[in-house]
Amino acid sequence: MAGSSHGHTPAAWTGVIIAFIGFCVAGMFMVMAEPVGFWISIGIVLLGAVVGGIMRMMGLGQPKHDHPANRTPETADAKG
């Protein structure tokens, strides 16, 4: 995956960071036995997915046609 730049975009980083914060906060609320805080934190995790998707639609993610798995021999020759 490193050769394809998979996930090395602002959209991917932002979505993952927001989701990571949500998971950490959810774990804290789980240990504290606070179900309302836990479910709010799960909402933060989902917010990370939404924000990453919106950023990708805004052009801050990797376009699907640039992924090496989606290239045909003709486009691979043209790109070099």
N, C-alpha and C. Protein backbone atom coordinates (compact mmCIF):
# COMPACT_ATOMS: atom_id res chain seq x y z
N MET A 1 0.80 -1.19 0.00
CA MET A 1 0.00 0.00 0.00
C MET A 1 0.85 1.26 0.00
N ALA A 2 2.05 1.19 0.47
CA ALA A 2 2.88 2.39 0.54
C ALA A 2 3.17 2.93 -0.85
N GLY A 3 3.29 2.06 -1.83
CA GLY A 3 3.60 2.50 -3.17
C GLY A 3 2.43 3.19 -3.86
N SER A 4 1.21 3.00 -3.36
CA SER A 4 0.04 3.58 -4.01
C SER A 4 -0.42 4.86 -3.34
N SER A 5 0.27 5.35 -2.32
CA SER A 5 -0.12 6.53 -1.56
C SER A 5 -1.49 6.36 -0.92
N HIS A 6 -1.87 5.14 -0.62
CA HIS A 6 -3.17 4.86 -0.03
C HIS A 6 -3.27 5.50 1.34
N GLY A 7 -4.22 6.42 1.49
CA GLY A 7 -4.45 7.04 2.77
C GLY A 7 -3.56 8.21 3.10
N HIS A 8 -2.70 8.63 2.18
CA HIS A 8 -1.79 9.74 2.45
C HIS A 8 -2.37 11.04 1.91
N THR A 9 -3.59 11.36 2.34
CA THR A 9 -4.25 12.57 1.89
C THR A 9 -4.79 13.32 3.09
N PRO A 10 -5.02 14.62 2.95
CA PRO A 10 -5.60 15.37 4.08
C PRO A 10 -6.95 14.81 4.52
N ALA A 11 -7.76 14.34 3.58
CA ALA A 11 -9.07 13.78 3.94
C ALA A 11 -8.91 12.53 4.80
N ALA A 12 -7.99 11.65 4.42
CA ALA A 12 -7.79 10.41 5.18
C ALA A 12 -7.23 10.71 6.57
N TRP A 13 -6.23 11.58 6.64
CA TRP A 13 -5.63 11.90 7.94
C TRP A 13 -6.64 12.55 8.87
N THR A 14 -7.42 13.49 8.36
CA THR A 14 -8.39 14.18 9.20
C THR A 14 -9.45 13.22 9.71
N GLY A 15 -9.99 12.39 8.83
CA GLY A 15 -11.01 11.42 9.24
C GLY A 15 -10.49 10.45 10.28
N VAL A 16 -9.28 9.96 10.11
CA VAL A 16 -8.70 9.01 11.05
C VAL A 16 -8.41 9.67 12.40
N ILE A 17 -7.92 10.89 12.38
CA ILE A 17 -7.62 11.58 13.64
C ILE A 17 -8.90 11.83 14.44
N ILE A 18 -9.95 12.28 13.78
CA ILE A 18 -11.23 12.50 14.48
C ILE A 18 -11.76 11.18 15.02
N ALA A 19 -11.72 10.12 14.23
CA ALA A 19 -12.20 8.82 14.69
C ALA A 19 -11.36 8.30 15.86
N PHE A 20 -10.05 8.51 15.81
CA PHE A 20 -9.17 8.07 16.89
C PHE A 20 -9.51 8.78 18.20
N ILE A 21 -9.73 10.08 18.11
CA ILE A 21 -10.13 10.85 19.30
C ILE A 21 -11.44 10.30 19.84
N GLY A 22 -12.38 10.02 18.96
CA GLY A 22 -13.66 9.46 19.39
C GLY A 22 -13.50 8.13 20.09
N PHE A 23 -12.66 7.25 19.56
CA PHE A 23 -12.41 5.95 20.20
C PHE A 23 -11.77 6.13 21.58
N CYS A 24 -10.82 7.04 21.68
CA CYS A 24 -10.17 7.27 22.98
C CYS A 24 -11.16 7.78 24.02
N VAL A 25 -11.98 8.74 23.62
CA VAL A 25 -12.97 9.28 24.55
C VAL A 25 -14.01 8.21 24.89
N ALA A 26 -14.41 7.40 23.91
CA ALA A 26 -15.36 6.32 24.18
C ALA A 26 -14.79 5.33 25.19
N GLY A 27 -13.52 5.02 25.05
CA GLY A 27 -12.88 4.12 26.02
C GLY A 27 -12.87 4.71 27.42
N MET A 28 -12.63 6.00 27.50
CA MET A 28 -12.65 6.67 28.80
C MET A 28 -14.04 6.59 29.43
N PHE A 29 -15.06 6.88 28.64
CA PHE A 29 -16.42 6.83 29.17
C PHE A 29 -16.85 5.40 29.50
N MET A 30 -16.32 4.42 28.77
CA MET A 30 -16.65 3.03 29.07
C MET A 30 -16.09 2.65 30.44
N VAL A 31 -14.87 3.05 30.72
CA VAL A 31 -14.25 2.75 32.02
C VAL A 31 -14.99 3.48 33.14
N MET A 32 -15.47 4.69 32.85
CA MET A 32 -16.19 5.47 33.85
C MET A 32 -17.66 5.02 33.99
N ALA A 33 -18.09 4.06 33.20
CA ALA A 33 -19.46 3.54 33.21
C ALA A 33 -20.48 4.66 32.95
N GLU A 34 -20.22 5.46 31.91
CA GLU A 34 -21.12 6.54 31.51
C GLU A 34 -21.63 6.24 30.10
N PRO A 35 -22.78 5.56 29.99
CA PRO A 35 -23.26 5.16 28.67
C PRO A 35 -23.60 6.33 27.74
N VAL A 36 -24.11 7.43 28.29
CA VAL A 36 -24.44 8.57 27.43
C VAL A 36 -23.17 9.14 26.79
N GLY A 37 -22.13 9.32 27.57
CA GLY A 37 -20.87 9.81 27.04
C GLY A 37 -20.27 8.85 26.03
N PHE A 38 -20.41 7.56 26.28
CA PHE A 38 -19.91 6.55 25.35
C PHE A 38 -20.59 6.70 23.99
N TRP A 39 -21.91 6.81 23.96
CA TRP A 39 -22.63 6.90 22.69
C TRP A 39 -22.38 8.22 21.99
N ILE A 40 -22.17 9.28 22.74
CA ILE A 40 -21.79 10.55 22.12
C ILE A 40 -20.42 10.41 21.46
N SER A 41 -19.53 9.68 22.11
CA SER A 41 -18.19 9.45 21.54
C SER A 41 -18.25 8.60 20.28
N ILE A 42 -19.16 7.64 20.25
CA ILE A 42 -19.34 6.84 19.03
C ILE A 42 -19.83 7.76 17.90
N GLY A 43 -20.64 8.75 18.26
CA GLY A 43 -21.05 9.75 17.28
C GLY A 43 -19.87 10.53 16.73
N ILE A 44 -18.87 10.79 17.58
CA ILE A 44 -17.64 11.47 17.13
C ILE A 44 -16.90 10.60 16.14
N VAL A 45 -16.87 9.30 16.39
CA VAL A 45 -16.22 8.37 15.45
C VAL A 45 -16.92 8.45 14.09
N LEU A 46 -18.24 8.43 14.09
CA LEU A 46 -18.98 8.52 12.83
C LEU A 46 -18.78 9.88 12.17
N LEU A 47 -18.63 10.93 12.98
CA LEU A 47 -18.36 12.25 12.45
C LEU A 47 -17.03 12.26 11.68
N GLY A 48 -16.05 11.50 12.15
CA GLY A 48 -14.78 11.39 11.45
C GLY A 48 -14.95 10.83 10.05
N ALA A 49 -15.81 9.83 9.92
CA ALA A 49 -16.08 9.25 8.60
C ALA A 49 -16.78 10.26 7.70
N VAL A 50 -17.72 11.00 8.25
CA VAL A 50 -18.45 11.99 7.47
C VAL A 50 -17.51 13.12 7.02
N VAL A 51 -16.70 13.62 7.94
CA VAL A 51 -15.77 14.71 7.60
C VAL A 51 -14.77 14.25 6.54
N GLY A 52 -14.23 13.04 6.69
CA GLY A 52 -13.30 12.51 5.68
C GLY A 52 -13.96 12.37 4.32
N GLY A 53 -15.21 11.91 4.30
CA GLY A 53 -15.93 11.77 3.03
C GLY A 53 -16.21 13.11 2.38
N ILE A 54 -16.59 14.09 3.18
CA ILE A 54 -16.85 15.43 2.64
C ILE A 54 -15.56 16.03 2.09
N MET A 55 -14.46 15.87 2.82
CA MET A 55 -13.18 16.40 2.34
C MET A 55 -12.76 15.72 1.04
N ARG A 56 -13.04 14.43 0.93
CA ARG A 56 -12.70 13.71 -0.30
C ARG A 56 -13.51 14.25 -1.47
N MET A 57 -14.80 14.52 -1.23
CA MET A 57 -15.64 15.08 -2.29
C MET A 57 -15.19 16.49 -2.67
N MET A 58 -14.56 17.19 -1.74
CA MET A 58 -14.05 18.54 -2.01
C MET A 58 -12.73 18.51 -2.77
N GLY A 59 -12.19 17.32 -3.01
CA GLY A 59 -10.96 17.19 -3.78
C GLY A 59 -9.71 17.01 -2.94
N LEU A 60 -9.86 16.77 -1.63
CA LEU A 60 -8.69 16.61 -0.77
C LEU A 60 -8.31 15.15 -0.55
N GLY A 61 -8.95 14.25 -1.27
CA GLY A 61 -8.63 12.83 -1.18
C GLY A 61 -8.02 12.34 -2.48
N GLN A 62 -7.63 11.10 -2.49
CA GLN A 62 -7.04 10.52 -3.69
C GLN A 62 -8.14 10.13 -4.67
N PRO A 63 -8.09 10.63 -5.90
CA PRO A 63 -9.09 10.24 -6.89
C PRO A 63 -9.00 8.75 -7.20
N LYS A 64 -10.13 8.11 -7.42
CA LYS A 64 -10.15 6.68 -7.68
C LYS A 64 -9.39 6.30 -8.94
N HIS A 65 -9.45 7.14 -9.96
CA HIS A 65 -8.79 6.77 -11.23
C HIS A 65 -7.28 6.81 -11.13
N ASP A 66 -6.70 7.43 -10.11
CA ASP A 66 -5.24 7.47 -9.97
C ASP A 66 -4.69 6.25 -9.24
N HIS A 67 -5.55 5.45 -8.66
CA HIS A 67 -5.08 4.29 -7.92
C HIS A 67 -4.52 3.26 -8.90
N PRO A 68 -3.33 2.69 -8.63
CA PRO A 68 -2.71 1.74 -9.56
C PRO A 68 -3.59 0.55 -9.91
N ALA A 69 -4.45 0.13 -9.00
CA ALA A 69 -5.30 -1.03 -9.28
C ALA A 69 -6.35 -0.70 -10.34
N ASN A 70 -6.65 0.56 -10.54
CA ASN A 70 -7.67 0.96 -11.50
C ASN A 70 -7.10 1.37 -12.85
N ARG A 71 -5.80 1.29 -13.01
CA ARG A 71 -5.18 1.70 -14.26
C ARG A 71 -5.24 0.57 -15.28
N THR A 72 -5.46 0.95 -16.51
CA THR A 72 -5.38 0.00 -17.61
C THR A 72 -3.99 0.13 -18.24
N PRO A 73 -3.57 -0.83 -19.03
CA PRO A 73 -2.23 -0.71 -19.63
C PRO A 73 -2.06 0.58 -20.44
N GLU A 74 -3.13 1.05 -21.09
CA GLU A 74 -3.03 2.27 -21.89
C GLU A 74 -2.75 3.48 -20.99
N THR A 75 -3.46 3.61 -19.87
CA THR A 75 -3.25 4.76 -19.00
C THR A 75 -1.93 4.65 -18.25
N ALA A 76 -1.47 3.43 -17.98
CA ALA A 76 -0.19 3.26 -17.30
C ALA A 76 0.95 3.75 -18.20
N ASP A 77 0.85 3.46 -19.52
CA ASP A 77 1.87 3.91 -20.46
C ASP A 77 1.85 5.43 -20.60
N ALA A 78 0.68 6.02 -20.57
CA ALA A 78 0.57 7.46 -20.74
C ALA A 78 1.11 8.21 -19.54
N LYS A 79 0.97 7.64 -18.33
CA LYS A 79 1.44 8.31 -17.12
C LYS A 79 2.93 8.12 -16.90
N GLY A 80 3.49 7.11 -17.52
CA GLY A 80 4.93 6.91 -17.40
C GLY A 80 5.24 5.96 -16.37
